[in-house]
Amino acid sequence: MTGTAARMKLATTVARTDEQLIQRCLAGSDEAWSSLIEKYKNLIYSIPIKLGMHQDAGDIFQAVCVSLFANLANLREHRALPKWLMQTSYHECLRHQRTANYQVELDSPNAETPADLRPLAEEIMIESEDEQTLREAISAMPDRCAQLIRMLFFETPSRPYEEVAQELGLATGSIGFIRGRCLDRLRKHLEKKGF
């Protein structure tokens, strides 16, 4: 299965969950809204971070969430939510750059034209989709494996095995073995999804 086919298959699974969350959000559930934002916060933040807008990422995140709240009822395809969030985040980054005077004047010899930005935007979207697929695969794993993977591979600076073992209530010597089993489980899960 190709990467695109795998993303489509995973999108169908995610869509059911997203559809349920969206319906609950539209019914006024604060818990569902919190769950939806928690699920996609890293995806939203990833766009400004990739564009080097570290200081503005929080403002962009808030603007995207406000836009989501305002437009959630108008979203035609619930499975398109991740793509909608990426595009909205990207457009919010561009709007934020314009209003903050980050852009160089277009007639400057070193300025990028909008056509120059399209490949970058497509590359960021594909990379962000892959990252979201990985986040969802990790979230679908048993809690201990998901927590172990996040602690070992997603925290900066890296934690020593002793600290990880203590927090998870494991023997320090077992971390490497359990890590291997969890990564194998994650690999199989992603392969099954065609990733």
Protein backbone atom coordinates (compact mmCIF):
# COMPACT_ATOMS: atom_id res chain seq x y z
CA MET A 1 0.00 0.00 0.00
CA THR A 2 1.36 3.43 -0.89
CA GLY A 3 1.74 6.30 1.56
CA THR A 4 -1.27 8.07 0.04
CA ALA A 5 -3.45 4.94 0.27
CA ALA A 6 -2.35 4.44 3.87
CA ARG A 7 -3.22 8.01 4.75
CA MET A 8 -6.66 7.56 3.17
CA LYS A 9 -7.26 4.33 5.12
CA LEU A 10 -6.14 5.95 8.38
CA ALA A 11 -8.23 9.03 7.58
CA THR A 12 -11.35 6.84 7.41
CA THR A 13 -10.65 5.49 10.91
CA VAL A 14 -9.83 8.94 12.27
CA ALA A 15 -12.90 10.42 10.56
CA ARG A 16 -15.26 8.26 12.61
CA THR A 17 -13.68 9.50 15.81
CA ASP A 18 -13.49 13.08 14.55
CA GLU A 19 -17.11 12.94 13.43
CA GLN A 20 -18.16 11.81 16.90
CA LEU A 21 -16.09 14.54 18.55
CA ILE A 22 -17.39 17.20 16.18
CA GLN A 23 -21.01 16.17 16.76
CA ARG A 24 -20.46 16.37 20.52
CA CYS A 25 -18.73 19.76 20.12
CA LEU A 26 -21.67 21.06 18.11
CA ALA A 27 -23.98 19.79 20.85
CA GLY A 28 -22.08 21.98 23.32
CA SER A 29 -19.76 19.49 25.02
CA ASP A 30 -16.77 21.27 26.57
CA GLU A 31 -15.10 17.88 27.11
CA ALA A 32 -15.37 17.04 23.40
CA TRP A 33 -13.95 20.46 22.47
CA SER A 34 -11.00 19.90 24.81
CA SER A 35 -10.44 16.43 23.34
CA LEU A 36 -10.53 17.77 19.79
CA ILE A 37 -8.03 20.53 20.55
CA GLU A 38 -5.79 18.12 22.50
CA LYS A 39 -5.83 15.71 19.56
CA TYR A 40 -4.79 18.32 17.01
CA LYS A 41 -2.74 20.86 18.99
CA ASN A 42 0.60 19.46 17.81
CA LEU A 43 -0.57 19.51 14.21
CA ILE A 44 -1.64 23.15 14.48
CA TYR A 45 1.57 24.20 16.24
CA SER A 46 3.76 22.31 13.75
CA ILE A 47 2.99 24.70 10.87
CA PRO A 48 4.29 27.94 12.43
CA ILE A 49 7.22 26.06 13.96
CA LYS A 50 8.23 24.71 10.54
CA LEU A 51 7.99 28.21 9.13
CA GLY A 52 10.34 29.48 11.85
CA MET A 53 7.64 31.50 13.61
CA HIS A 54 8.42 30.14 17.09
CA GLN A 55 7.48 33.31 18.98
CA ASP A 56 4.19 33.66 17.12
CA ALA A 57 3.12 30.00 17.35
CA GLY A 58 0.90 30.59 20.40
CA ASP A 59 -0.97 33.46 18.77
CA ILE A 60 -1.40 31.48 15.56
CA PHE A 61 -2.63 28.46 17.54
CA GLN A 62 -5.25 30.61 19.25
CA ALA A 63 -6.38 32.17 15.97
CA VAL A 64 -6.76 28.73 14.37
CA CYS A 65 -8.77 27.48 17.36
CA VAL A 66 -11.06 30.52 17.20
CA SER A 67 -11.51 29.93 13.47
CA LEU A 68 -12.27 26.26 14.11
CA PHE A 69 -14.85 27.17 16.74
CA ALA A 70 -16.49 29.65 14.36
CA ASN A 71 -16.46 27.32 11.35
CA LEU A 72 -16.96 23.87 12.86
CA ALA A 73 -20.64 23.72 11.93
CA ASN A 74 -19.74 24.58 8.31
CA LEU A 75 -17.17 21.80 7.91
CA ARG A 76 -18.67 19.57 5.19
CA GLU A 77 -16.33 16.60 5.48
CA HIS A 78 -15.33 15.72 9.02
CA ARG A 79 -12.49 13.54 7.78
CA ALA A 80 -11.01 16.65 6.16
CA LEU A 81 -10.50 18.29 9.56
CA PRO A 82 -6.71 17.67 9.76
CA LYS A 83 -6.16 19.12 6.28
CA TRP A 84 -8.46 22.06 7.09
CA LEU A 85 -6.46 22.73 10.26
CA MET A 86 -3.14 22.60 8.39
CA GLN A 87 -4.37 24.94 5.68
CA THR A 88 -5.94 27.33 8.17
CA SER A 89 -2.75 27.34 10.24
CA TYR A 90 -0.65 28.01 7.15
CA HIS A 91 -2.91 30.85 6.02
CA GLU A 92 -2.92 32.27 9.53
CA CYS A 93 0.90 32.23 9.44
CA LEU A 94 0.87 34.17 6.19
CA ARG A 95 -1.67 36.65 7.57
CA HIS A 96 0.35 37.03 10.74
CA GLN A 97 3.53 37.66 8.73
CA ARG A 98 1.80 40.35 6.69
CA THR A 99 0.35 42.15 9.69
CA ALA A 100 3.59 41.90 11.64
CA ASN A 101 5.59 43.27 8.71
CA TYR A 102 7.77 40.17 8.47
CA GLN A 103 7.57 39.99 4.72
CA VAL A 104 10.14 41.67 2.52
CA GLU A 105 8.66 43.93 -0.13
CA LEU A 106 7.83 41.93 -3.26
CA ASP A 107 9.82 44.20 -5.54
CA SER A 108 12.98 43.47 -3.56
CA PRO A 109 15.44 41.29 -5.55
CA ASN A 110 15.68 38.73 -2.70
CA ALA A 111 11.94 38.47 -2.04
CA GLU A 112 10.03 35.24 -2.53
CA THR A 113 6.95 35.43 -4.69
CA PRO A 114 3.82 33.47 -3.80
CA ALA A 115 4.75 30.93 -6.52
CA ASP A 116 8.05 30.34 -4.67
CA LEU A 117 6.10 29.53 -1.50
CA ARG A 118 3.83 26.85 -3.04
CA PRO A 119 6.37 23.98 -3.00
CA LEU A 120 7.24 24.85 0.60
CA ALA A 121 3.56 24.84 1.57
CA GLU A 122 2.96 21.45 -0.09
CA GLU A 123 6.08 20.01 1.57
CA ILE A 124 4.96 21.28 4.97
CA MET A 125 1.46 19.83 4.47
CA ILE A 126 2.78 16.38 3.55
CA GLU A 127 5.26 16.38 6.42
CA SER A 128 2.56 17.52 8.85
CA GLU A 129 0.17 14.79 7.67
CA ASP A 130 2.87 12.17 8.25
CA GLU A 131 3.59 13.54 11.71
CA GLN A 132 -0.12 13.49 12.59
CA THR A 133 -0.35 9.87 11.39
CA LEU A 134 2.54 8.99 13.71
CA ARG A 135 0.95 10.85 16.65
CA GLU A 136 -2.34 9.01 16.12
CA ALA A 137 -0.55 5.65 15.85
CA ILE A 138 1.27 6.31 19.12
CA SER A 139 -1.99 7.35 20.79
CA ALA A 140 -3.60 4.07 19.68
CA MET A 141 -0.91 2.03 21.46
CA PRO A 142 -1.23 0.72 25.03
CA ASP A 143 -0.66 3.51 27.55
CA ARG A 144 2.70 2.28 28.83
CA CYS A 145 4.16 1.93 25.31
CA ALA A 146 2.80 5.30 24.21
CA GLN A 147 4.18 6.99 27.31
CA LEU A 148 7.56 5.26 26.96
CA ILE A 149 7.92 6.27 23.31
CA ARG A 150 6.97 9.87 24.05
CA MET A 151 9.41 10.04 26.96
CA LEU A 152 12.31 8.51 25.04
CA PHE A 153 11.87 10.06 21.60
CA PHE A 154 9.78 13.22 21.89
CA GLU A 155 11.21 14.99 24.91
CA THR A 156 14.14 17.37 24.77
CA PRO A 157 16.54 16.93 26.40
CA SER A 158 16.41 13.15 26.43
CA ARG A 159 15.72 11.56 29.76
CA PRO A 160 18.07 8.99 31.27
CA TYR A 161 16.71 5.44 31.46
CA GLU A 162 16.78 5.61 35.27
CA GLU A 163 14.35 8.52 35.30
CA VAL A 164 12.06 6.89 32.71
CA ALA A 165 12.10 3.62 34.65
CA GLN A 166 11.26 5.36 37.90
CA GLU A 167 8.34 7.30 36.41
CA LEU A 168 6.90 4.19 34.73
CA GLY A 169 7.55 1.94 37.71
CA LEU A 170 9.89 -0.37 35.78
CA ALA A 171 13.33 -1.82 36.36
CA THR A 172 16.02 0.26 34.64
CA GLY A 173 17.41 -2.83 32.89
CA SER A 174 14.05 -3.58 31.27
CA ILE A 175 13.66 -0.23 29.49
CA GLY A 176 15.70 -1.25 26.42
CA PHE A 177 13.77 -4.50 25.99
CA ILE A 178 10.37 -2.85 26.47
CA ARG A 179 11.39 0.01 24.15
CA GLY A 180 12.23 -2.55 21.43
CA ARG A 181 8.88 -4.30 21.84
CA CYS A 182 6.98 -1.01 21.78
CA LEU A 183 8.82 0.22 18.66
CA ASP A 184 8.15 -3.11 16.97
CA ARG A 185 4.46 -2.81 17.86
CA LEU A 186 4.42 0.76 16.50
CA ARG A 187 6.16 -0.31 13.29
CA LYS A 188 3.66 -3.14 12.75
CA HIS A 189 0.75 -0.79 13.45
CA LEU A 190 2.04 1.73 10.90
CA GLU A 191 2.74 -1.00 8.33
CA LYS A 192 -0.78 -2.36 8.81
CA LYS A 193 -2.05 1.14 8.03
CA GLY A 194 0.16 1.09 4.91
CA PHE A 195 2.50 3.77 6.15
